[in-house]
Protein backbone atom coordinates (compact mmCIF):
# COMPACT_ATOMS: atom_id res chain seq x y z
CA UNK A 1 36.27 -31.23 55.55
CA UNK A 2 32.75 -32.31 54.78
CA UNK A 3 29.89 -30.60 56.58
CA UNK A 4 26.48 -32.21 56.80
CA UNK A 5 23.34 -30.46 55.64
CA UNK A 6 22.34 -30.29 59.30
CA UNK A 7 25.46 -28.25 60.10
CA UNK A 8 25.04 -25.93 57.12
CA UNK A 9 21.35 -25.34 57.88
CA UNK A 10 22.12 -24.92 61.58
CA UNK A 11 24.71 -22.24 60.85
CA UNK A 12 22.24 -20.37 58.64
CA UNK A 13 19.50 -20.64 61.27
CA UNK A 14 21.85 -19.35 63.98
CA UNK A 15 22.82 -16.41 61.78
CA UNK A 16 19.13 -15.57 61.26
CA UNK A 17 18.50 -15.74 65.01
CA UNK A 18 21.61 -13.63 65.69
CA UNK A 19 20.46 -10.90 63.28
CA UNK A 20 17.16 -10.61 65.13
CA UNK A 21 18.91 -10.87 68.50
CA UNK A 22 20.84 -7.71 67.68
CA UNK A 23 17.46 -6.01 67.10
CA UNK A 24 16.13 -7.29 70.43
CA UNK A 25 13.49 -9.62 69.00
CA UNK A 26 13.07 -13.37 68.96
CA UNK A 27 12.94 -15.34 65.71
CA UNK A 28 10.04 -17.55 64.69
CA UNK A 29 10.75 -20.89 63.02
CA UNK A 30 8.51 -19.97 60.08
CA UNK A 31 10.65 -16.86 59.45
CA UNK A 32 13.86 -18.89 59.40
CA UNK A 33 12.20 -21.30 56.98
CA UNK A 34 11.05 -18.45 54.75
CA UNK A 35 14.35 -16.52 54.76
CA UNK A 36 16.75 -19.45 54.64
CA UNK A 37 14.79 -22.03 52.65
CA UNK A 38 15.17 -24.72 55.31
CA UNK A 39 12.37 -27.30 55.49
CA UNK A 40 10.33 -26.61 58.64
CA UNK A 41 10.32 -30.17 59.99
CA UNK A 42 14.08 -30.48 59.51
CA UNK A 43 14.65 -27.07 61.08
CA UNK A 44 12.60 -28.07 64.12
CA UNK A 45 15.03 -30.91 64.89
CA UNK A 46 18.03 -28.63 64.39
CA UNK A 47 16.60 -26.01 66.73
CA UNK A 48 15.91 -28.66 69.38
CA UNK A 49 19.56 -29.76 69.18
CA UNK A 50 20.78 -26.16 69.39
CA UNK A 51 18.52 -25.55 72.39
CA UNK A 52 19.64 -28.76 74.11
CA UNK A 53 23.29 -27.73 73.62
CA UNK A 54 22.64 -24.32 75.18
CA UNK A 55 23.03 -22.14 72.09
CA UNK A 56 19.43 -20.94 71.77
CA UNK A 57 16.52 -20.48 74.11
CA UNK A 58 12.83 -20.90 73.41
CA UNK A 59 10.40 -18.12 74.19
CA UNK A 60 6.72 -19.10 74.37
CA UNK A 61 3.74 -16.97 73.52
CA UNK A 62 2.60 -14.74 70.66
CA UNK A 63 5.88 -12.81 70.62
CA UNK A 64 7.84 -16.00 71.16
CA UNK A 65 10.35 -17.81 69.06
CA UNK A 66 14.04 -18.49 69.39
CA UNK A 67 16.73 -16.28 70.82
CA UNK A 68 20.46 -16.69 71.37
CA UNK A 69 21.39 -18.13 74.76
CA UNK A 70 24.60 -16.06 74.73
CA UNK A 71 25.73 -12.87 73.03
CA UNK A 72 26.65 -13.21 69.31
CA UNK A 73 30.31 -12.50 70.07
CA UNK A 74 30.34 -15.51 72.42
CA UNK A 75 29.07 -18.09 69.92
CA UNK A 76 31.54 -19.37 67.36
CA UNK A 77 31.08 -21.45 64.25
CA UNK A 78 32.97 -24.16 66.12
CA UNK A 79 30.24 -24.12 68.83
CA UNK A 80 27.50 -24.53 66.25
CA UNK A 81 29.18 -27.37 64.35
CA UNK A 82 30.13 -29.12 67.57
CA UNK A 83 26.54 -28.86 68.84
CA UNK A 84 25.11 -30.40 65.69
CA UNK A 85 27.71 -33.04 64.95
CA UNK A 86 29.66 -33.69 68.13
CA UNK A 87 33.26 -33.26 69.15
CA UNK A 88 34.65 -35.37 66.33
CA UNK A 89 32.69 -33.48 63.71
CA UNK A 90 35.60 -32.34 61.61
CA UNK A 91 38.38 -34.68 62.61
CA UNK A 92 40.06 -37.25 60.45
CA UNK A 93 38.97 -40.75 61.34
CA UNK A 94 42.52 -41.81 62.11
CA UNK A 95 42.79 -39.20 64.90
CA UNK A 96 40.20 -41.10 66.91
CA UNK A 97 41.83 -43.07 69.74
CA UNK A 98 39.59 -46.06 68.94
CA UNK A 99 40.51 -46.13 65.25
CA UNK A 100 42.04 -49.49 64.46
CA UNK A 101 44.99 -49.00 62.14
CA UNK A 102 48.07 -51.20 61.98
CA UNK A 103 50.13 -48.12 60.94
CA UNK A 104 49.01 -45.90 63.83
CA UNK A 105 52.30 -46.23 65.72
CA UNK A 106 54.81 -43.86 64.13
CA UNK A 107 52.47 -42.79 61.34
CA UNK A 108 53.97 -39.64 59.84
CA UNK A 109 50.83 -38.63 57.93
CA UNK A 110 48.84 -38.64 61.17
CA UNK A 111 50.78 -35.50 62.10
CA UNK A 112 49.47 -33.86 58.93
CA UNK A 113 45.85 -34.72 59.81
CA UNK A 114 46.39 -33.48 63.35
CA UNK A 115 47.79 -30.15 62.11
CA UNK A 116 44.90 -29.84 59.66
CA UNK A 117 42.42 -30.49 62.49
CA UNK A 118 44.00 -27.78 64.64
CA UNK A 119 43.91 -25.31 61.74
CA UNK A 120 40.22 -26.05 61.08
CA UNK A 121 39.39 -25.60 64.73
CA UNK A 122 41.28 -22.28 64.86
CA UNK A 123 39.37 -20.93 61.86
CA UNK A 124 36.00 -21.97 63.27
CA UNK A 125 36.85 -20.67 66.74
CA UNK A 126 37.85 -17.32 65.20
CA UNK A 127 34.51 -16.70 63.51
CA UNK A 128 31.68 -15.62 65.79
CA UNK A 129 28.08 -14.85 64.91
CA UNK A 130 28.90 -11.20 65.57
CA UNK A 131 31.70 -11.39 62.99
CA UNK A 132 29.23 -12.72 60.44
CA UNK A 133 26.54 -10.15 61.26
CA UNK A 134 28.95 -7.22 61.02
CA UNK A 135 30.63 -8.41 57.83
CA UNK A 136 27.54 -10.02 56.32
CA UNK A 137 30.03 -12.49 54.88
CA UNK A 138 32.11 -9.99 52.97
CA UNK A 139 35.74 -9.95 53.88
CA UNK A 140 35.81 -13.40 55.49
CA UNK A 141 38.23 -14.53 52.81
CA UNK A 142 40.67 -11.90 54.12
CA UNK A 143 40.69 -13.23 57.69
CA UNK A 144 44.08 -14.49 58.75
CA UNK A 145 44.74 -17.06 61.40
CA UNK A 146 47.92 -17.90 63.22
CA UNK A 147 48.38 -21.60 63.76
């Protein structure tokens, strides 16, 4: 699995917004830039994508900024990655129906890539922003998933 910089930065930005959401305040772009080291112009595009996909809302005015569109326990890492990269974000190329491969019929290894895709999705679906806020990252290596 290879995640783009956009996805990694987006996940960090969402975590920053979620931390402030739990305190009842919105998050300014400049604060995300300062705390997460994400270039402001790049972050602006990421936040627009997250807003357009319904994960964050924009609040105007002096106390404005960004806030979660849903509760932290309702937003998964899968949601964030999917919003920033699309539905095929983490899938093997050969799982795409339009992939032209002369071995596609009866390909045994395709079953491996399909199982790997399902496992990835299960992990990402099992980690919410609330999970990350509460654990602050510690203990994530101990999470177990049933596939």
